[in-house]
Amino acid sequence: MPVAQIVKWGNSLAVRIPKPVAEQAGVREGDPIVIEAEKGQINLRRKQRVPTLKELVAQIRPENRYHEIPAGTERGKESVEW
């Protein structure tokens, strides 16, 4: 298990992540991470990227779409044909 040392960086502290560990975790310079501290531990994890609307729409398939829900009888000009 690689060991790293905490060093001062300006008014903060920093840890260098060894290249093999970064490669194994799939992180690169500039990647956003979430830092959590609890019970004497510091945990780092990659921040999940928010998918774009285009990516979300591309996942819509006939099998995962909602079915049409009847809204009752038509009463006026709300009739729409698809």
C-alpha atoms as a PDB file:
ATOM      1  CA  MET A   1       0.000   0.000   0.000  1.00  0.00           C
ATOM      2  CA  PRO A   2       1.526   3.340  -1.043  1.00  0.00           C
ATOM      3  CA  VAL A   3       2.146   5.886   1.701  1.00  0.00           C
ATOM      4  CA  ALA A   4       1.955   9.661   1.168  1.00  0.00           C
ATOM      5  CA  GLN A   5       2.827  12.606   3.376  1.00  0.00           C
ATOM      6  CA  ILE A   6       0.735  15.680   4.195  1.00  0.00           C
ATOM      7  CA  VAL A   7       2.555  18.904   3.229  1.00  0.00           C
ATOM      8  CA  LYS A   8       1.755  22.594   3.649  1.00  0.00           C
ATOM      9  CA  TRP A   9       0.507  24.345   0.498  1.00  0.00           C
ATOM     10  CA  GLY A  10      -0.159  28.039   1.123  1.00  0.00           C
ATOM     11  CA  ASN A  11      -2.646  28.214   3.996  1.00  0.00           C
ATOM     12  CA  SER A  12      -3.870  24.672   3.311  1.00  0.00           C
ATOM     13  CA  LEU A  13      -2.546  21.136   3.497  1.00  0.00           C
ATOM     14  CA  ALA A  14      -2.010  18.871   0.503  1.00  0.00           C
ATOM     15  CA  VAL A  15      -1.351  15.224  -0.298  1.00  0.00           C
ATOM     16  CA  ARG A  16       0.282  14.021  -3.509  1.00  0.00           C
ATOM     17  CA  ILE A  17      -1.503  11.020  -4.945  1.00  0.00           C
ATOM     18  CA  PRO A  18       0.994   8.528  -6.406  1.00  0.00           C
ATOM     19  CA  LYS A  19       0.537   7.926 -10.142  1.00  0.00           C
ATOM     20  CA  PRO A  20      -0.321   4.200  -9.793  1.00  0.00           C
ATOM     21  CA  VAL A  21      -3.045   5.040  -7.248  1.00  0.00           C
ATOM     22  CA  ALA A  22      -4.467   7.799  -9.478  1.00  0.00           C
ATOM     23  CA  GLU A  23      -4.483   5.446 -12.470  1.00  0.00           C
ATOM     24  CA  GLN A  24      -6.178   2.690 -10.482  1.00  0.00           C
ATOM     25  CA  ALA A  25      -8.842   5.159  -9.270  1.00  0.00           C
ATOM     26  CA  GLY A  26      -9.255   6.609 -12.757  1.00  0.00           C
ATOM     27  CA  VAL A  27      -8.580  10.204 -11.711  1.00  0.00           C
ATOM     28  CA  ARG A  28      -6.604  12.866 -13.540  1.00  0.00           C
ATOM     29  CA  GLU A  29      -5.394  16.372 -12.827  1.00  0.00           C
ATOM     30  CA  GLY A  30      -8.330  18.763 -12.730  1.00  0.00           C
ATOM     31  CA  ASP A  31     -10.970  16.135 -11.891  1.00  0.00           C
ATOM     32  CA  PRO A  32     -13.408  17.334  -9.218  1.00  0.00           C
ATOM     33  CA  ILE A  33     -13.429  15.259  -6.036  1.00  0.00           C
ATOM     34  CA  VAL A  34     -15.549  15.171  -2.889  1.00  0.00           C
ATOM     35  CA  ILE A  35     -13.652  15.314   0.411  1.00  0.00           C
ATOM     36  CA  GLU A  36     -15.222  13.893   3.572  1.00  0.00           C
ATOM     37  CA  ALA A  37     -13.662  13.736   7.033  1.00  0.00           C
ATOM     38  CA  GLU A  38     -14.964  11.369   9.698  1.00  0.00           C
ATOM     39  CA  LYS A  39     -13.566   9.544  12.716  1.00  0.00           C
ATOM     40  CA  GLY A  40      -9.914  10.353  12.040  1.00  0.00           C
ATOM     41  CA  GLN A  41     -10.126   9.523   8.313  1.00  0.00           C
ATOM     42  CA  ILE A  42     -10.156  11.631   5.169  1.00  0.00           C
ATOM     43  CA  ASN A  43     -12.047  10.045   2.287  1.00  0.00           C
ATOM     44  CA  LEU A  44     -11.719  11.204  -1.318  1.00  0.00           C
ATOM     45  CA  ARG A  45     -14.054  10.156  -4.103  1.00  0.00           C
ATOM     46  CA  ARG A  46     -14.634  11.319  -7.624  1.00  0.00           C
ATOM     47  CA  LYS A  47     -17.556  13.690  -7.990  1.00  0.00           C
ATOM     48  CA  GLN A  48     -20.194  12.207 -10.248  1.00  0.00           C
ATOM     49  CA  ARG A  49     -20.535  14.168 -13.466  1.00  0.00           C
ATOM     50  CA  VAL A  50     -24.013  15.535 -14.156  1.00  0.00           C
ATOM     51  CA  PRO A  51     -25.235  14.140 -17.488  1.00  0.00           C
ATOM     52  CA  THR A  52     -26.360  16.598 -20.161  1.00  0.00           C
ATOM     53  CA  LEU A  53     -29.970  16.729 -21.337  1.00  0.00           C
ATOM     54  CA  LYS A  54     -28.844  15.241 -24.660  1.00  0.00           C
ATOM     55  CA  GLU A  55     -27.267  12.266 -22.845  1.00  0.00           C
ATOM     56  CA  LEU A  56     -30.403  11.724 -20.756  1.00  0.00           C
ATOM     57  CA  VAL A  57     -32.737  11.898 -23.764  1.00  0.00           C
ATOM     58  CA  ALA A  58     -30.511   9.421 -25.628  1.00  0.00           C
ATOM     59  CA  GLN A  59     -31.292   6.855 -22.900  1.00  0.00           C
ATOM     60  CA  ILE A  60     -35.062   6.964 -23.547  1.00  0.00           C
ATOM     61  CA  ARG A  61     -36.263   3.687 -25.029  1.00  0.00           C
ATOM     62  CA  PRO A  62     -39.785   2.361 -25.707  1.00  0.00           C
ATOM     63  CA  GLU A  63     -39.373  -0.067 -22.797  1.00  0.00           C
ATOM     64  CA  ASN A  64     -38.555   2.659 -20.237  1.00  0.00           C
ATOM     65  CA  ARG A  65     -41.099   5.291 -21.325  1.00  0.00           C
ATOM     66  CA  TYR A  66     -44.224   6.035 -19.340  1.00  0.00           C
ATOM     67  CA  HIS A  67     -47.463   4.906 -20.916  1.00  0.00           C
ATOM     68  CA  GLU A  68     -50.166   7.425 -21.732  1.00  0.00           C
ATOM     69  CA  ILE A  69     -52.402   8.156 -18.755  1.00  0.00           C
ATOM     70  CA  PRO A  70     -56.054   8.859 -19.532  1.00  0.00           C
ATOM     71  CA  ALA A  71     -57.143  12.273 -18.278  1.00  0.00           C
ATOM     72  CA  GLY A  72     -60.887  11.858 -18.689  1.00  0.00           C
ATOM     73  CA  THR A  73     -63.224  12.999 -21.400  1.00  0.00           C
ATOM     74  CA  GLU A  74     -62.527  16.037 -23.535  1.00  0.00           C
ATOM     75  CA  ARG A  75     -64.585  19.095 -22.626  1.00  0.00           C
ATOM     76  CA  GLY A  76     -63.399  21.804 -24.958  1.00  0.00           C
ATOM     77  CA  LYS A  77     -60.422  22.725 -27.114  1.00  0.00           C
ATOM     78  CA  GLU A  78     -57.870  20.622 -25.210  1.00  0.00           C
ATOM     79  CA  SER A  79     -58.001  17.809 -27.765  1.00  0.00           C
ATOM     80  CA  VAL A  80     -54.552  17.151 -29.212  1.00  0.00           C
ATOM     81  CA  GLU A  81     -53.636  14.616 -31.869  1.00  0.00           C
ATOM     82  CA  TRP A  82     -50.097  13.239 -31.911  1.00  0.00           C
END
